[in-house]
C-alpha atoms as a PDB file:
ATOM      1  CA  UNK A   1     -59.753 -94.869  90.211  1.00  0.00           C
ATOM      2  CA  UNK A   2     -61.481 -98.103  89.292  1.00  0.00           C
ATOM      3  CA  UNK A   3     -64.344 -99.579  91.258  1.00  0.00           C
ATOM      4  CA  UNK A   4     -63.514-103.255  91.047  1.00  0.00           C
ATOM      5  CA  UNK A   5     -66.342-104.734  93.145  1.00  0.00           C
ATOM      6  CA  UNK A   6     -69.743-103.699  94.483  1.00  0.00           C
ATOM      7  CA  UNK A   7     -71.728-105.789  96.959  1.00  0.00           C
ATOM      8  CA  UNK A   8     -75.348-105.116  97.857  1.00  0.00           C
ATOM      9  CA  UNK A   9     -77.331-106.240 100.920  1.00  0.00           C
ATOM     10  CA  UNK A  10     -81.032-105.596 100.386  1.00  0.00           C
ATOM     11  CA  UNK A  11     -83.118-104.337 103.324  1.00  0.00           C
ATOM     12  CA  UNK A  12     -86.386-106.214 103.700  1.00  0.00           C
ATOM     13  CA  UNK A  13     -88.469-103.565 105.507  1.00  0.00           C
ATOM     14  CA  UNK A  14     -91.228-102.557 103.073  1.00  0.00           C
ATOM     15  CA  UNK A  15     -92.055 -99.261 104.797  1.00  0.00           C
ATOM     16  CA  UNK A  16     -88.431 -98.085 105.089  1.00  0.00           C
ATOM     17  CA  UNK A  17     -86.772 -95.518 102.826  1.00  0.00           C
ATOM     18  CA  UNK A  18     -83.524 -97.458 103.351  1.00  0.00           C
ATOM     19  CA  UNK A  19     -83.509 -99.975 100.483  1.00  0.00           C
ATOM     20  CA  UNK A  20     -80.046-101.542 100.750  1.00  0.00           C
ATOM     21  CA  UNK A  21     -76.557-101.239 102.167  1.00  0.00           C
ATOM     22  CA  UNK A  22     -73.569-101.461  99.839  1.00  0.00           C
ATOM     23  CA  UNK A  23     -69.833-102.008  99.999  1.00  0.00           C
ATOM     24  CA  UNK A  24     -67.487-101.136  97.168  1.00  0.00           C
ATOM     25  CA  UNK A  25     -63.849-101.868  96.440  1.00  0.00           C
ATOM     26  CA  UNK A  26     -61.453 -99.449  94.772  1.00  0.00           C
ATOM     27  CA  UNK A  27     -58.598-100.892  92.663  1.00  0.00           C
ATOM     28  CA  UNK A  28     -58.806-104.270  94.455  1.00  0.00           C
ATOM     29  CA  UNK A  29     -57.099-102.514  97.371  1.00  0.00           C
ATOM     30  CA  UNK A  30     -59.504-100.367  99.429  1.00  0.00           C
ATOM     31  CA  UNK A  31     -63.023-101.189 100.644  1.00  0.00           C
ATOM     32  CA  UNK A  32     -65.754 -98.803 101.785  1.00  0.00           C
ATOM     33  CA  UNK A  33     -68.591-100.407 103.780  1.00  0.00           C
ATOM     34  CA  UNK A  34     -72.004 -99.150 104.913  1.00  0.00           C
ATOM     35  CA  UNK A  35     -72.994 -96.993 101.940  1.00  0.00           C
ATOM     36  CA  UNK A  36     -76.764 -96.617 102.233  1.00  0.00           C
ATOM     37  CA  UNK A  37     -79.136 -96.726  99.264  1.00  0.00           C
ATOM     38  CA  UNK A  38     -82.102 -94.530 100.120  1.00  0.00           C
ATOM     39  CA  UNK A  39     -85.380 -93.962  98.299  1.00  0.00           C
ATOM     40  CA  UNK A  40     -85.870 -90.236  97.726  1.00  0.00           C
ATOM     41  CA  UNK A  41     -88.596 -88.182  96.098  1.00  0.00           C
ATOM     42  CA  UNK A  42     -86.559 -87.996  92.869  1.00  0.00           C
ATOM     43  CA  UNK A  43     -85.386 -91.620  92.879  1.00  0.00           C
ATOM     44  CA  UNK A  44     -82.780 -93.577  94.767  1.00  0.00           C
ATOM     45  CA  UNK A  45     -79.552 -92.009  95.991  1.00  0.00           C
ATOM     46  CA  UNK A  46     -76.557 -93.078  98.051  1.00  0.00           C
ATOM     47  CA  UNK A  47     -75.466 -91.800 101.452  1.00  0.00           C
ATOM     48  CA  UNK A  48     -71.843 -92.309 102.391  1.00  0.00           C
ATOM     49  CA  UNK A  49     -70.879 -93.843 105.764  1.00  0.00           C
ATOM     50  CA  UNK A  50     -71.280 -91.359 108.598  1.00  0.00           C
ATOM     51  CA  UNK A  51     -71.130 -91.022 112.352  1.00  0.00           C
ATOM     52  CA  UNK A  52     -72.972 -88.801 114.779  1.00  0.00           C
ATOM     53  CA  UNK A  53     -70.985 -85.835 116.094  1.00  0.00           C
ATOM     54  CA  UNK A  54     -71.343 -84.672 119.716  1.00  0.00           C
ATOM     55  CA  UNK A  55     -73.758 -81.913 118.612  1.00  0.00           C
ATOM     56  CA  UNK A  56     -76.140 -84.504 117.150  1.00  0.00           C
ATOM     57  CA  UNK A  57     -75.449 -83.879 113.465  1.00  0.00           C
ATOM     58  CA  UNK A  58     -74.080 -86.601 111.199  1.00  0.00           C
ATOM     59  CA  UNK A  59     -70.738 -86.240 109.411  1.00  0.00           C
ATOM     60  CA  UNK A  60     -69.531 -88.391 106.522  1.00  0.00           C
ATOM     61  CA  UNK A  61     -66.449 -90.367 107.521  1.00  0.00           C
ATOM     62  CA  UNK A  62     -65.619 -91.277 103.905  1.00  0.00           C
ATOM     63  CA  UNK A  63     -66.595 -89.211 100.885  1.00  0.00           C
ATOM     64  CA  UNK A  64     -65.473 -88.334  97.344  1.00  0.00           C
ATOM     65  CA  UNK A  65     -63.728 -85.003  96.865  1.00  0.00           C
ATOM     66  CA  UNK A  66     -65.346 -84.063  93.570  1.00  0.00           C
ATOM     67  CA  UNK A  67     -68.614 -84.417  91.670  1.00  0.00           C
ATOM     68  CA  UNK A  68     -67.166 -86.678  88.974  1.00  0.00           C
ATOM     69  CA  UNK A  69     -66.022 -89.257  91.512  1.00  0.00           C
ATOM     70  CA  UNK A  70     -69.314 -89.076  93.434  1.00  0.00           C
ATOM     71  CA  UNK A  71     -71.258 -89.671  90.219  1.00  0.00           C
ATOM     72  CA  UNK A  72     -69.036 -92.626  89.276  1.00  0.00           C
ATOM     73  CA  UNK A  73     -69.504 -94.256  92.682  1.00  0.00           C
ATOM     74  CA  UNK A  74     -73.222 -93.511  92.758  1.00  0.00           C
ATOM     75  CA  UNK A  75     -73.954 -94.817  89.264  1.00  0.00           C
ATOM     76  CA  UNK A  76     -72.085 -98.084  89.811  1.00  0.00           C
ATOM     77  CA  UNK A  77     -73.677 -98.731  93.214  1.00  0.00           C
ATOM     78  CA  UNK A  78     -77.188 -97.923  91.976  1.00  0.00           C
ATOM     79  CA  UNK A  79     -76.683-100.138  88.896  1.00  0.00           C
ATOM     80  CA  UNK A  80     -75.573-103.017  91.142  1.00  0.00           C
ATOM     81  CA  UNK A  81     -78.622-102.388  93.353  1.00  0.00           C
ATOM     82  CA  UNK A  82     -80.987-102.500  90.357  1.00  0.00           C
ATOM     83  CA  UNK A  83     -79.375-105.750  89.207  1.00  0.00           C
ATOM     84  CA  UNK A  84     -79.594-107.325  92.671  1.00  0.00           C
ATOM     85  CA  UNK A  85     -83.223-106.256  93.038  1.00  0.00           C
ATOM     86  CA  UNK A  86     -84.080-107.720  89.599  1.00  0.00           C
ATOM     87  CA  UNK A  87     -82.505-111.052  90.622  1.00  0.00           C
ATOM     88  CA  UNK A  88     -84.511-111.199  93.828  1.00  0.00           C
END
């Protein structure tokens, strides 16, 4: 799997833990939108797109199946975020 494009939309609310929303493309063929970049106590992390289930909990609607893929997606999105923030 190759991530061929990452797009970042910065969030301008200073008091929000949500810092940006990202989209990424896999192999120039499949796009995932609405990946959230969130400020956590141990640094920024990504949250995959999700929807609220009838019981009130949120379930990811798209997610990697293994740790290696999650780390690849996360590192490329967070690097693109850092670059976009530096260019601001």
